[in-house]
Amino acid sequence: MEASDPLAQFLADARLRSQPFHREHPDELHTPSWHAASNRPIVDGKFNDPETGEVRDAGGLVFSGPPAVDIIITNIHEGSSNNIFRAQLPFHMEKLLVWILRVVGERKLQLDSLNATSYAIRVVLSHELNEGQFHEIAYEMAGGIWGQQ
């Protein structure tokens, strides 16, 4: 992924990092890292490559597994750009849900549906938004919690 990629920038801003764990927010959970290309857990900076069976150094894009919450935000408003945003965040689902609904309320967004389980939140907006507005809102929903204590 290129450094100018908005998702890569968000992941960097969201403080997804390698071991050892250092709490940067009072409500942050320790979440294991997974190697994105192989979909395998990273242990001590290494992962088991399923294609070769070798243990390799982890590099490239990583994501957080449970107890991180997988968030997908999309907008189905007719006439708006069809964007999808996805992130995994190391917080309890309830705290993230309260934050996301706060953003919906403060911005007076039209919400089509919302689904939340212990490790997943799906937000479907139905609000007229251009691509830039959608990304701004999605980043606030997913990343804004880092500024809340």
Foldseek 3Di string as FASTA:
>chain_A
DDPPDPQVVLVVLLPPDADDDDDLAPQFDDFFKAQVVQRFTADPQWGQRPVPRDIGGGDDDIATDPVWAWEWEFEDAPPEDTDIDIHTGRGWQVLLVVQLVVLCVVVVFAWPDWDDDRRYIYTYTHGHDYPVRVVVSVSCSPPVCSVPD
